[in-house]
């Protein structure tokens, strides 16, 4: 895998090939239009990455400290979202 100096959401745009079911692609076009298709996909992928990073963090925390309650997990998600909103930065996955 290439190591780049860019974090998630940074750097110049790069073309990638993406295959989606036609119904999914059509639903996206109807919702956001043809011109905003890439932005919609980018935002969806970044949300998924953020969720995976948080899940990794929670799993690591629980392996070290023990299980979290549902309420504690929700609070962690809230804090995580607030940090993203304030700083606009991505934590490192790991």
Protein backbone atom coordinates (compact mmCIF):
# COMPACT_ATOMS: atom_id res chain seq x y z
CA UNK A 1 0.00 0.00 0.00
CA UNK A 2 1.30 3.47 -0.85
CA UNK A 3 2.25 5.73 2.03
CA UNK A 4 1.07 9.27 1.34
CA UNK A 5 1.53 12.46 3.35
CA UNK A 6 -2.25 13.01 3.27
CA UNK A 7 -4.77 12.23 5.95
CA UNK A 8 -8.37 11.23 5.24
CA UNK A 9 -10.13 14.09 3.49
CA UNK A 10 -6.89 15.79 2.42
CA UNK A 11 -4.88 15.97 -0.79
CA UNK A 12 -5.77 16.36 -4.42
CA UNK A 13 -8.64 14.40 -5.91
CA UNK A 14 -7.71 11.13 -7.55
CA UNK A 15 -9.77 9.03 -9.92
CA UNK A 16 -10.78 5.57 -8.81
CA UNK A 17 -12.95 2.96 -10.43
CA UNK A 18 -16.07 2.19 -8.44
CA UNK A 19 -18.74 -0.38 -9.18
CA UNK A 20 -22.19 0.07 -7.64
CA UNK A 21 -25.48 -1.65 -8.28
CA UNK A 22 -27.36 0.43 -10.85
CA UNK A 23 -30.26 0.98 -8.45
CA UNK A 24 -27.90 2.43 -5.86
CA UNK A 25 -26.21 4.72 -8.39
CA UNK A 26 -29.60 5.88 -9.69
CA UNK A 27 -30.81 6.61 -6.15
CA UNK A 28 -27.71 8.71 -5.46
CA UNK A 29 -28.17 10.65 -8.72
CA UNK A 30 -31.82 11.32 -7.89
CA UNK A 31 -30.90 12.51 -4.42
CA UNK A 32 -27.90 14.73 -5.18
CA UNK A 33 -27.68 15.09 -8.95
CA UNK A 34 -24.96 14.03 -11.33
CA UNK A 35 -22.58 16.85 -10.40
CA UNK A 36 -22.56 16.01 -6.68
CA UNK A 37 -22.25 12.23 -7.10
CA UNK A 38 -18.53 12.09 -6.21
CA UNK A 39 -18.95 14.37 -3.20
CA UNK A 40 -21.75 12.15 -1.90
CA UNK A 41 -19.61 9.01 -2.25
CA UNK A 42 -16.63 10.76 -0.62
CA UNK A 43 -18.72 11.83 2.38
CA UNK A 44 -20.19 8.34 2.75
CA UNK A 45 -16.75 6.70 2.63
CA UNK A 46 -15.35 9.16 5.17
CA UNK A 47 -18.28 8.47 7.52
CA UNK A 48 -17.60 4.75 7.21
CA UNK A 49 -13.89 5.22 7.90
CA UNK A 50 -14.66 7.36 10.94
CA UNK A 51 -17.01 4.65 12.24
CA UNK A 52 -14.41 1.95 11.71
CA UNK A 53 -11.71 3.98 13.47
CA UNK A 54 -14.02 4.55 16.43
CA UNK A 55 -14.95 0.85 16.53
CA UNK A 56 -11.24 -0.05 16.54
CA UNK A 57 -10.60 2.39 19.36
CA UNK A 58 -13.51 1.06 21.42
CA UNK A 59 -12.42 -2.55 20.87
CA UNK A 60 -8.88 -1.70 21.94
CA UNK A 61 -10.13 0.18 24.99
CA UNK A 62 -12.41 -2.70 26.00
CA UNK A 63 -9.59 -5.24 25.58
CA UNK A 64 -7.50 -3.20 28.02
CA UNK A 65 -10.12 -1.90 30.47
CA UNK A 66 -13.14 -4.18 30.13
CA UNK A 67 -16.56 -3.82 28.53
CA UNK A 68 -18.30 -0.47 28.17
CA UNK A 69 -22.00 -0.06 28.76
CA UNK A 70 -24.24 1.03 25.90
CA UNK A 71 -24.46 4.47 27.52
CA UNK A 72 -20.65 4.73 27.70
CA UNK A 73 -20.35 3.68 24.05
CA UNK A 74 -22.88 6.34 23.02
CA UNK A 75 -20.99 8.97 25.01
CA UNK A 76 -17.72 7.93 23.35
CA UNK A 77 -19.36 8.28 19.92
CA UNK A 78 -20.67 11.73 20.86
CA UNK A 79 -17.23 12.88 22.02
CA UNK A 80 -15.61 11.43 18.90
CA UNK A 81 -18.07 13.33 16.67
CA UNK A 82 -17.51 16.55 18.63
CA UNK A 83 -13.74 16.27 18.20
CA UNK A 84 -14.15 15.79 14.44
CA UNK A 85 -16.50 18.77 14.22
CA UNK A 86 -14.20 21.05 16.22
CA UNK A 87 -10.84 20.11 14.80
CA UNK A 88 -11.69 18.70 11.40
CA UNK A 89 -8.89 16.20 11.84
CA UNK A 90 -8.79 12.43 11.53
CA UNK A 91 -7.22 10.24 14.19
CA UNK A 92 -4.83 7.60 12.93
CA UNK A 93 -6.31 4.16 12.43
CA UNK A 94 -4.40 1.49 14.18
